[in-house]
Amino acid sequence: MTEKLVLTESEVRMMLGVSRTTLWRMRCAGRFPAPIQMGTRSVRYRRSDVVGWVNSGAMVFEQAT
């Protein structure tokens, strides 16, 4: 099975272990990769952006604050 190129908000939250509110706050503060708008009410996140963000060590900083 191939890996998905884009992730739903729920998949990102499960991957990071954060709540919907935490993800929203990080996104609004510009501390998380911007989502891709898919239609009027749906957003997705590029897997490569999320993985790159985690690998950069940003997740450790977010959990510390």
N, C-alpha and C. Protein backbone atom coordinates (compact mmCIF):
# COMPACT_ATOMS: atom_id res chain seq x y z
N MET A 1 0.83 -1.17 0.00
CA MET A 1 0.00 0.00 0.00
C MET A 1 0.89 1.25 0.00
N THR A 2 0.51 2.25 -0.78
CA THR A 2 1.31 3.47 -0.86
C THR A 2 0.92 4.43 0.26
N GLU A 3 1.88 5.27 0.63
CA GLU A 3 1.65 6.25 1.68
C GLU A 3 0.85 7.42 1.12
N LYS A 4 -0.09 7.93 1.89
CA LYS A 4 -0.88 9.08 1.46
C LYS A 4 -0.01 10.33 1.39
N LEU A 5 -0.24 11.14 0.38
CA LEU A 5 0.51 12.38 0.23
C LEU A 5 -0.06 13.51 1.08
N VAL A 6 -1.36 13.43 1.36
CA VAL A 6 -2.01 14.45 2.19
C VAL A 6 -2.72 13.77 3.35
N LEU A 7 -2.81 14.50 4.46
CA LEU A 7 -3.41 13.97 5.68
C LEU A 7 -4.58 14.85 6.10
N THR A 8 -5.58 14.23 6.69
CA THR A 8 -6.69 14.98 7.27
C THR A 8 -6.23 15.59 8.59
N GLU A 9 -7.02 16.51 9.11
CA GLU A 9 -6.71 17.11 10.40
C GLU A 9 -6.68 16.03 11.49
N SER A 10 -7.61 15.10 11.44
CA SER A 10 -7.65 14.02 12.43
C SER A 10 -6.40 13.16 12.37
N GLU A 11 -5.93 12.86 11.16
CA GLU A 11 -4.72 12.06 11.02
C GLU A 11 -3.50 12.80 11.57
N VAL A 12 -3.44 14.10 11.33
CA VAL A 12 -2.33 14.90 11.84
C VAL A 12 -2.37 14.93 13.37
N ARG A 13 -3.55 15.15 13.92
CA ARG A 13 -3.68 15.19 15.39
C ARG A 13 -3.28 13.87 16.01
N MET A 14 -3.69 12.76 15.40
CA MET A 14 -3.31 11.44 15.93
C MET A 14 -1.80 11.24 15.81
N MET A 15 -1.21 11.66 14.71
CA MET A 15 0.22 11.50 14.49
C MET A 15 1.02 12.28 15.53
N LEU A 16 0.55 13.48 15.87
CA LEU A 16 1.27 14.35 16.79
C LEU A 16 0.86 14.16 18.25
N GLY A 17 -0.31 13.58 18.46
CA GLY A 17 -0.81 13.42 19.82
C GLY A 17 -1.26 14.72 20.44
N VAL A 18 -1.89 15.59 19.63
CA VAL A 18 -2.36 16.88 20.13
C VAL A 18 -3.86 17.00 19.91
N SER A 19 -4.46 17.93 20.62
CA SER A 19 -5.90 18.16 20.49
C SER A 19 -6.18 19.05 19.28
N ARG A 20 -7.44 19.12 18.92
CA ARG A 20 -7.87 19.99 17.82
C ARG A 20 -7.52 21.44 18.13
N THR A 21 -7.74 21.84 19.39
CA THR A 21 -7.45 23.21 19.79
C THR A 21 -5.97 23.53 19.69
N THR A 22 -5.12 22.61 20.14
CA THR A 22 -3.68 22.83 20.07
C THR A 22 -3.22 22.97 18.63
N LEU A 23 -3.70 22.11 17.75
CA LEU A 23 -3.33 22.20 16.34
C LEU A 23 -3.79 23.53 15.76
N TRP A 24 -5.00 23.94 16.09
CA TRP A 24 -5.54 25.21 15.60
C TRP A 24 -4.69 26.38 16.09
N ARG A 25 -4.31 26.36 17.36
CA ARG A 25 -3.50 27.45 17.92
C ARG A 25 -2.13 27.52 17.25
N MET A 26 -1.50 26.36 17.06
CA MET A 26 -0.19 26.35 16.40
C MET A 26 -0.30 26.89 14.98
N ARG A 27 -1.35 26.48 14.28
CA ARG A 27 -1.56 26.91 12.90
C ARG A 27 -1.80 28.42 12.84
N CYS A 28 -2.65 28.94 13.71
CA CYS A 28 -2.96 30.38 13.72
C CYS A 28 -1.75 31.23 14.10
N ALA A 29 -0.89 30.68 14.94
CA ALA A 29 0.30 31.41 15.37
C ALA A 29 1.44 31.31 14.35
N GLY A 30 1.23 30.54 13.29
CA GLY A 30 2.26 30.38 12.27
C GLY A 30 3.37 29.44 12.69
N ARG A 31 3.10 28.59 13.67
CA ARG A 31 4.11 27.65 14.16
C ARG A 31 3.89 26.24 13.64
N PHE A 32 3.06 26.10 12.62
CA PHE A 32 2.79 24.79 12.03
C PHE A 32 2.57 25.00 10.54
N PRO A 33 2.95 24.02 9.72
CA PRO A 33 2.77 24.17 8.27
C PRO A 33 1.32 24.49 7.90
N ALA A 34 1.17 25.36 6.94
CA ALA A 34 -0.16 25.76 6.47
C ALA A 34 -0.84 24.58 5.77
N PRO A 35 -2.14 24.47 5.96
CA PRO A 35 -2.89 23.40 5.28
C PRO A 35 -3.21 23.78 3.84
N ILE A 36 -3.67 22.79 3.11
CA ILE A 36 -4.15 22.98 1.75
C ILE A 36 -5.67 23.02 1.83
N GLN A 37 -6.28 24.03 1.26
CA GLN A 37 -7.74 24.13 1.26
C GLN A 37 -8.30 23.19 0.19
N MET A 38 -9.18 22.29 0.59
CA MET A 38 -9.80 21.34 -0.33
C MET A 38 -11.30 21.60 -0.31
N GLY A 39 -11.77 22.47 -1.16
CA GLY A 39 -13.18 22.84 -1.11
C GLY A 39 -13.38 23.96 -0.12
N THR A 40 -14.63 24.18 0.25
CA THR A 40 -14.94 25.31 1.12
C THR A 40 -14.75 25.02 2.60
N ARG A 41 -14.87 23.77 3.01
CA ARG A 41 -14.82 23.45 4.44
C ARG A 41 -13.80 22.39 4.82
N SER A 42 -13.00 21.97 3.89
CA SER A 42 -12.11 20.86 4.13
C SER A 42 -10.66 21.27 3.91
N VAL A 43 -9.80 20.90 4.86
CA VAL A 43 -8.37 21.17 4.70
C VAL A 43 -7.60 19.86 4.82
N ARG A 44 -6.44 19.83 4.19
CA ARG A 44 -5.53 18.70 4.28
C ARG A 44 -4.14 19.27 4.51
N TYR A 45 -3.27 18.42 5.03
CA TYR A 45 -1.89 18.80 5.27
C TYR A 45 -0.99 17.90 4.44
N ARG A 46 0.03 18.48 3.82
CA ARG A 46 1.00 17.67 3.08
C ARG A 46 1.78 16.83 4.08
N ARG A 47 1.83 15.53 3.84
CA ARG A 47 2.58 14.63 4.72
C ARG A 47 4.03 15.11 4.83
N SER A 48 4.62 15.48 3.72
CA SER A 48 6.03 15.91 3.73
C SER A 48 6.23 17.14 4.61
N ASP A 49 5.27 18.07 4.63
CA ASP A 49 5.38 19.26 5.48
C ASP A 49 5.32 18.88 6.96
N VAL A 50 4.39 17.99 7.30
CA VAL A 50 4.22 17.58 8.70
C VAL A 50 5.45 16.80 9.18
N VAL A 51 5.91 15.86 8.37
CA VAL A 51 7.09 15.06 8.74
C VAL A 51 8.32 15.96 8.86
N GLY A 52 8.48 16.89 7.93
CA GLY A 52 9.60 17.83 8.00
C GLY A 52 9.55 18.69 9.25
N TRP A 53 8.34 19.12 9.63
CA TRP A 53 8.16 19.93 10.83
C TRP A 53 8.56 19.12 12.07
N VAL A 54 8.11 17.87 12.14
CA VAL A 54 8.46 17.01 13.28
C VAL A 54 9.97 16.78 13.31
N ASN A 55 10.57 16.47 12.16
CA ASN A 55 12.00 16.19 12.10
C ASN A 55 12.86 17.40 12.44
N SER A 56 12.30 18.60 12.27
CA SER A 56 13.06 19.82 12.58
C SER A 56 13.19 20.06 14.08
N GLY A 57 12.44 19.29 14.86
CA GLY A 57 12.48 19.45 16.31
C GLY A 57 11.44 20.42 16.83
N ALA A 58 10.62 20.96 15.97
CA ALA A 58 9.62 21.94 16.39
C ALA A 58 8.60 21.33 17.35
N MET A 59 8.31 20.06 17.20
CA MET A 59 7.32 19.41 18.06
C MET A 59 7.79 19.40 19.51
N VAL A 60 9.07 19.19 19.73
CA VAL A 60 9.62 19.18 21.09
C VAL A 60 9.42 20.55 21.72
N PHE A 61 9.67 21.61 20.95
CA PHE A 61 9.49 22.97 21.45
C PHE A 61 8.03 23.22 21.79
N GLU A 62 7.12 22.80 20.92
CA GLU A 62 5.70 23.04 21.15
C GLU A 62 5.23 22.36 22.44
N GLN A 63 5.71 21.16 22.71
CA GLN A 63 5.29 20.45 23.91
C GLN A 63 5.87 21.08 25.16
N ALA A 64 6.99 21.77 25.03
CA ALA A 64 7.63 22.39 26.19
C ALA A 64 6.94 23.69 26.60
N THR A 65 6.21 24.31 25.67
CA THR A 65 5.57 25.59 26.00
C THR A 65 4.15 25.41 26.44
